């Protein structure tokens, strides 16, 4: 990690503590991003639209090296997401793509945290996800694909035409 350069990292949180961690980080002045989406929740007597974390148990922080330990000491933070033994640096373009994905209300987004077998490395060529790079993990028909982000063990299932993706 470069000392004076801010970088994005993913942090594991305690179960159902994402919003509390976000508030605590904001109180400390640490820039963060918690992807939130609306979903319909069913109770025994009613249905209601609620805002929930898109990726359960994760929050993203944009920090310098000096803030690294402060994030770990934050209530509700468990650890950094690690990749090859080090805290995984998340490319800024992937954070921007997540933000863009959330702005597209007509897309049905499903998130999976299962382990997947390696597939083709792809890039999205068109539409609101243009520029997203990841591993193609599932193709359903001609319009549904699942894309796994490299640094995180998550995947997005979205409707895209196969013509809107290419192998890297």
C-alpha atoms as a PDB file:
ATOM      1  CA  UNK A   1       0.000   0.000   0.000  1.00  0.00           C
ATOM      2  CA  UNK A   2       1.379   3.369  -1.016  1.00  0.00           C
ATOM      3  CA  UNK A   3       1.613   5.765   1.940  1.00  0.00           C
ATOM      4  CA  UNK A   4       0.095   8.956   0.484  1.00  0.00           C
ATOM      5  CA  UNK A   5      -2.258   7.503  -2.092  1.00  0.00           C
ATOM      6  CA  UNK A   6      -5.865   6.699  -1.285  1.00  0.00           C
ATOM      7  CA  UNK A   7      -7.061   3.281  -2.433  1.00  0.00           C
ATOM      8  CA  UNK A   8     -10.288   1.289  -2.191  1.00  0.00           C
ATOM      9  CA  UNK A   9     -10.423  -1.766   0.061  1.00  0.00           C
ATOM     10  CA  UNK A  10     -13.229  -4.164   0.955  1.00  0.00           C
ATOM     11  CA  UNK A  11     -13.893  -4.818   4.621  1.00  0.00           C
ATOM     12  CA  UNK A  12     -15.829  -7.677   6.228  1.00  0.00           C
ATOM     13  CA  UNK A  13     -18.384  -6.577   8.818  1.00  0.00           C
ATOM     14  CA  UNK A  14     -20.206  -8.418  11.561  1.00  0.00           C
ATOM     15  CA  UNK A  15     -23.499  -9.918  10.470  1.00  0.00           C
ATOM     16  CA  UNK A  16     -26.130  -7.248   9.719  1.00  0.00           C
ATOM     17  CA  UNK A  17     -23.785  -4.462  10.888  1.00  0.00           C
ATOM     18  CA  UNK A  18     -23.073  -2.843   7.509  1.00  0.00           C
ATOM     19  CA  UNK A  19     -25.135   0.320   8.087  1.00  0.00           C
ATOM     20  CA  UNK A  20     -23.790   0.759  11.638  1.00  0.00           C
ATOM     21  CA  UNK A  21     -20.217   0.406  10.355  1.00  0.00           C
ATOM     22  CA  UNK A  22     -20.960   2.955   7.626  1.00  0.00           C
ATOM     23  CA  UNK A  23     -22.186   5.485  10.213  1.00  0.00           C
ATOM     24  CA  UNK A  24     -19.166   4.836  12.449  1.00  0.00           C
ATOM     25  CA  UNK A  25     -16.739   5.281   9.536  1.00  0.00           C
ATOM     26  CA  UNK A  26     -18.471   8.515   8.501  1.00  0.00           C
ATOM     27  CA  UNK A  27     -18.248   9.775  12.097  1.00  0.00           C
ATOM     28  CA  UNK A  28     -14.479   9.120  11.940  1.00  0.00           C
ATOM     29  CA  UNK A  29     -14.211  10.966   8.616  1.00  0.00           C
ATOM     30  CA  UNK A  30     -13.289   7.836   6.652  1.00  0.00           C
ATOM     31  CA  UNK A  31     -14.641   7.811   3.107  1.00  0.00           C
ATOM     32  CA  UNK A  32     -16.659   4.680   2.426  1.00  0.00           C
ATOM     33  CA  UNK A  33     -19.192   3.138   0.069  1.00  0.00           C
ATOM     34  CA  UNK A  34     -21.981   0.784   1.096  1.00  0.00           C
ATOM     35  CA  UNK A  35     -23.883  -0.451  -1.972  1.00  0.00           C
ATOM     36  CA  UNK A  36     -27.579  -0.312  -1.059  1.00  0.00           C
ATOM     37  CA  UNK A  37     -30.526  -1.512  -3.137  1.00  0.00           C
ATOM     38  CA  UNK A  38     -34.259  -1.737  -2.604  1.00  0.00           C
ATOM     39  CA  UNK A  39     -35.826  -5.152  -2.291  1.00  0.00           C
ATOM     40  CA  UNK A  40     -39.270  -6.420  -1.459  1.00  0.00           C
ATOM     41  CA  UNK A  41     -39.386  -8.149   1.953  1.00  0.00           C
ATOM     42  CA  UNK A  42     -42.194 -10.527   2.858  1.00  0.00           C
ATOM     43  CA  UNK A  43     -43.498 -10.768   6.410  1.00  0.00           C
ATOM     44  CA  UNK A  44     -46.364 -12.966   7.540  1.00  0.00           C
ATOM     45  CA  UNK A  45     -48.827 -10.069   7.435  1.00  0.00           C
ATOM     46  CA  UNK A  46     -47.414  -7.679   4.820  1.00  0.00           C
ATOM     47  CA  UNK A  47     -44.874  -6.876   2.134  1.00  0.00           C
ATOM     48  CA  UNK A  48     -42.617  -3.855   2.246  1.00  0.00           C
ATOM     49  CA  UNK A  49     -39.823  -2.333   0.163  1.00  0.00           C
ATOM     50  CA  UNK A  50     -36.659  -1.999   2.261  1.00  0.00           C
ATOM     51  CA  UNK A  51     -33.159  -0.726   1.611  1.00  0.00           C
ATOM     52  CA  UNK A  52     -30.611  -3.468   2.166  1.00  0.00           C
ATOM     53  CA  UNK A  53     -26.899  -3.920   1.472  1.00  0.00           C
ATOM     54  CA  UNK A  54     -26.313  -5.307  -2.012  1.00  0.00           C
ATOM     55  CA  UNK A  55     -23.421  -7.408  -0.718  1.00  0.00           C
ATOM     56  CA  UNK A  56     -24.103  -8.729   2.779  1.00  0.00           C
ATOM     57  CA  UNK A  57     -21.185  -8.410   5.166  1.00  0.00           C
ATOM     58  CA  UNK A  58     -19.095  -6.002   3.075  1.00  0.00           C
ATOM     59  CA  UNK A  59     -18.357  -2.282   3.001  1.00  0.00           C
ATOM     60  CA  UNK A  60     -15.767  -0.479   0.896  1.00  0.00           C
ATOM     61  CA  UNK A  61     -13.343   2.103   2.319  1.00  0.00           C
ATOM     62  CA  UNK A  62     -11.234   4.681   0.444  1.00  0.00           C
ATOM     63  CA  UNK A  63      -8.205   5.231   2.652  1.00  0.00           C
ATOM     64  CA  UNK A  64      -4.525   6.098   2.901  1.00  0.00           C
ATOM     65  CA  UNK A  65      -2.055   3.787   4.656  1.00  0.00           C
ATOM     66  CA  UNK A  66      -2.249   5.853   7.847  1.00  0.00           C
ATOM     67  CA  UNK A  67      -5.980   5.044   8.192  1.00  0.00           C
ATOM     68  CA  UNK A  68      -5.564   1.270   7.743  1.00  0.00           C
ATOM     69  CA  UNK A  69      -5.522   0.356  11.453  1.00  0.00           C
ATOM     70  CA  UNK A  70      -8.207   2.899  12.346  1.00  0.00           C
ATOM     71  CA  UNK A  71     -10.626   1.080  10.053  1.00  0.00           C
ATOM     72  CA  UNK A  72      -9.817  -2.243  11.760  1.00  0.00           C
ATOM     73  CA  UNK A  73     -10.539  -0.713  15.184  1.00  0.00           C
ATOM     74  CA  UNK A  74     -13.986   0.465  14.059  1.00  0.00           C
ATOM     75  CA  UNK A  75     -16.900  -1.210  15.869  1.00  0.00           C
ATOM     76  CA  UNK A  76     -18.411  -3.909  13.674  1.00  0.00           C
ATOM     77  CA  UNK A  77     -15.387  -4.341  11.384  1.00  0.00           C
ATOM     78  CA  UNK A  78     -14.043  -7.906  11.333  1.00  0.00           C
ATOM     79  CA  UNK A  79     -11.144  -7.718   8.864  1.00  0.00           C
ATOM     80  CA  UNK A  80     -10.054  -6.640   5.422  1.00  0.00           C
ATOM     81  CA  UNK A  81     -10.866  -8.889   2.481  1.00  0.00           C
ATOM     82  CA  UNK A  82      -7.582 -10.549   1.600  1.00  0.00           C
ATOM     83  CA  UNK A  83      -6.234 -11.566  -1.794  1.00  0.00           C
ATOM     84  CA  UNK A  84      -2.951 -13.501  -1.924  1.00  0.00           C
ATOM     85  CA  UNK A  85      -2.286 -12.732   1.748  1.00  0.00           C
ATOM     86  CA  UNK A  86      -2.692  -8.948   1.499  1.00  0.00           C
ATOM     87  CA  UNK A  87      -5.647  -6.624   1.868  1.00  0.00           C
ATOM     88  CA  UNK A  88      -7.301  -6.668  -1.549  1.00  0.00           C
ATOM     89  CA  UNK A  89      -7.080  -3.361  -3.398  1.00  0.00           C
ATOM     90  CA  UNK A  90     -10.273  -2.762  -5.339  1.00  0.00           C
ATOM     91  CA  UNK A  91      -9.720  -0.854  -8.588  1.00  0.00           C
ATOM     92  CA  UNK A  92     -11.573   2.461  -8.598  1.00  0.00           C
ATOM     93  CA  UNK A  93     -13.283   1.601 -11.880  1.00  0.00           C
ATOM     94  CA  UNK A  94     -14.951  -1.405 -10.209  1.00  0.00           C
ATOM     95  CA  UNK A  95     -16.329   0.828  -7.438  1.00  0.00           C
ATOM     96  CA  UNK A  96     -17.578   3.246 -10.104  1.00  0.00           C
ATOM     97  CA  UNK A  97     -19.183   0.348 -11.970  1.00  0.00           C
ATOM     98  CA  UNK A  98     -20.954  -0.775  -8.794  1.00  0.00           C
ATOM     99  CA  UNK A  99     -22.277   2.765  -8.306  1.00  0.00           C
ATOM    100  CA  UNK A 100     -23.444   2.861 -11.923  1.00  0.00           C
ATOM    101  CA  UNK A 101     -25.089  -0.556 -11.535  1.00  0.00           C
ATOM    102  CA  UNK A 102     -27.114   0.699  -8.557  1.00  0.00           C
ATOM    103  CA  UNK A 103     -28.335   3.720 -10.537  1.00  0.00           C
ATOM    104  CA  UNK A 104     -29.910   1.420 -13.124  1.00  0.00           C
ATOM    105  CA  UNK A 105     -33.234   0.639 -11.490  1.00  0.00           C
ATOM    106  CA  UNK A 106     -34.495  -1.458 -14.410  1.00  0.00           C
ATOM    107  CA  UNK A 107     -31.786  -4.100 -13.955  1.00  0.00           C
ATOM    108  CA  UNK A 108     -32.633  -7.082 -11.774  1.00  0.00           C
ATOM    109  CA  UNK A 109     -29.556  -7.623  -9.621  1.00  0.00           C
ATOM    110  CA  UNK A 110     -28.855 -10.848  -7.790  1.00  0.00           C
ATOM    111  CA  UNK A 111     -25.703 -11.312  -5.732  1.00  0.00           C
ATOM    112  CA  UNK A 112     -24.118 -14.671  -5.006  1.00  0.00           C
ATOM    113  CA  UNK A 113     -21.254 -15.412  -2.638  1.00  0.00           C
ATOM    114  CA  UNK A 114     -20.710 -19.025  -3.696  1.00  0.00           C
ATOM    115  CA  UNK A 115     -17.329 -20.243  -4.916  1.00  0.00           C
ATOM    116  CA  UNK A 116     -17.246 -20.605  -8.678  1.00  0.00           C
ATOM    117  CA  UNK A 117     -15.027 -22.401 -11.134  1.00  0.00           C
ATOM    118  CA  UNK A 118     -12.841 -20.237 -13.319  1.00  0.00           C
ATOM    119  CA  UNK A 119     -14.232 -19.166 -16.671  1.00  0.00           C
ATOM    120  CA  UNK A 120     -13.474 -16.676 -19.383  1.00  0.00           C
ATOM    121  CA  UNK A 121     -12.133 -13.262 -18.409  1.00  0.00           C
ATOM    122  CA  UNK A 122     -14.573 -10.780 -19.944  1.00  0.00           C
ATOM    123  CA  UNK A 123     -15.304  -7.102 -20.377  1.00  0.00           C
ATOM    124  CA  UNK A 124     -18.742  -5.551 -20.840  1.00  0.00           C
ATOM    125  CA  UNK A 125     -18.798  -3.575 -24.093  1.00  0.00           C
ATOM    126  CA  UNK A 126     -22.170  -1.855 -23.966  1.00  0.00           C
ATOM    127  CA  UNK A 127     -24.948  -0.668 -21.716  1.00  0.00           C
ATOM    128  CA  UNK A 128     -24.805   0.730 -18.189  1.00  0.00           C
ATOM    129  CA  UNK A 129     -22.111  -1.754 -17.097  1.00  0.00           C
ATOM    130  CA  UNK A 130     -19.727  -0.843 -19.920  1.00  0.00           C
ATOM    131  CA  UNK A 131     -16.126  -1.280 -18.804  1.00  0.00           C
ATOM    132  CA  UNK A 132     -16.836  -3.846 -16.065  1.00  0.00           C
ATOM    133  CA  UNK A 133     -14.269  -6.624 -16.116  1.00  0.00           C
ATOM    134  CA  UNK A 134     -14.549  -9.968 -14.420  1.00  0.00           C
ATOM    135  CA  UNK A 135     -14.901 -13.676 -14.880  1.00  0.00           C
ATOM    136  CA  UNK A 136     -17.860 -15.086 -16.748  1.00  0.00           C
ATOM    137  CA  UNK A 137     -19.286 -17.758 -14.501  1.00  0.00           C
ATOM    138  CA  UNK A 138     -22.709 -18.483 -15.938  1.00  0.00           C
ATOM    139  CA  UNK A 139     -24.596 -18.065 -19.183  1.00  0.00           C
ATOM    140  CA  UNK A 140     -28.373 -18.561 -19.107  1.00  0.00           C
ATOM    141  CA  UNK A 141     -29.911 -18.311 -22.536  1.00  0.00           C
ATOM    142  CA  UNK A 142     -28.996 -15.337 -24.678  1.00  0.00           C
ATOM    143  CA  UNK A 143     -29.567 -12.520 -22.193  1.00  0.00           C
ATOM    144  CA  UNK A 144     -28.505 -13.591 -18.678  1.00  0.00           C
ATOM    145  CA  UNK A 145     -24.907 -13.810 -17.520  1.00  0.00           C
ATOM    146  CA  UNK A 146     -23.188 -13.958 -14.149  1.00  0.00           C
ATOM    147  CA  UNK A 147     -19.975 -12.010 -13.733  1.00  0.00           C
ATOM    148  CA  UNK A 148     -17.578 -12.569 -10.830  1.00  0.00           C
ATOM    149  CA  UNK A 149     -15.435  -9.660  -9.647  1.00  0.00           C
ATOM    150  CA  UNK A 150     -11.780 -10.630  -9.315  1.00  0.00           C
ATOM    151  CA  UNK A 151     -10.909  -9.289  -5.849  1.00  0.00           C
ATOM    152  CA  UNK A 152     -14.118 -10.340  -4.106  1.00  0.00           C
ATOM    153  CA  UNK A 153     -15.814 -13.686  -3.901  1.00  0.00           C
ATOM    154  CA  UNK A 154     -19.071 -12.267  -5.275  1.00  0.00           C
ATOM    155  CA  UNK A 155     -20.910 -12.463  -8.548  1.00  0.00           C
ATOM    156  CA  UNK A 156     -23.587 -10.383 -10.241  1.00  0.00           C
ATOM    157  CA  UNK A 157     -26.319 -11.940 -12.346  1.00  0.00           C
ATOM    158  CA  UNK A 158     -27.589  -9.396 -14.855  1.00  0.00           C
ATOM    159  CA  UNK A 159     -29.439  -9.370 -18.124  1.00  0.00           C
ATOM    160  CA  UNK A 160     -27.023  -8.510 -20.926  1.00  0.00           C
ATOM    161  CA  UNK A 161     -26.933  -9.515 -24.549  1.00  0.00           C
ATOM    162  CA  UNK A 162     -24.021 -11.840 -25.233  1.00  0.00           C
ATOM    163  CA  UNK A 163     -22.995  -9.405 -27.956  1.00  0.00           C
ATOM    164  CA  UNK A 164     -22.327  -6.828 -25.190  1.00  0.00           C
ATOM    165  CA  UNK A 165     -19.441  -8.843 -23.722  1.00  0.00           C
ATOM    166  CA  UNK A 166     -16.067  -9.935 -25.060  1.00  0.00           C
ATOM    167  CA  UNK A 167     -13.204 -12.134 -23.929  1.00  0.00           C
ATOM    168  CA  UNK A 168     -10.087 -10.388 -22.682  1.00  0.00           C
END
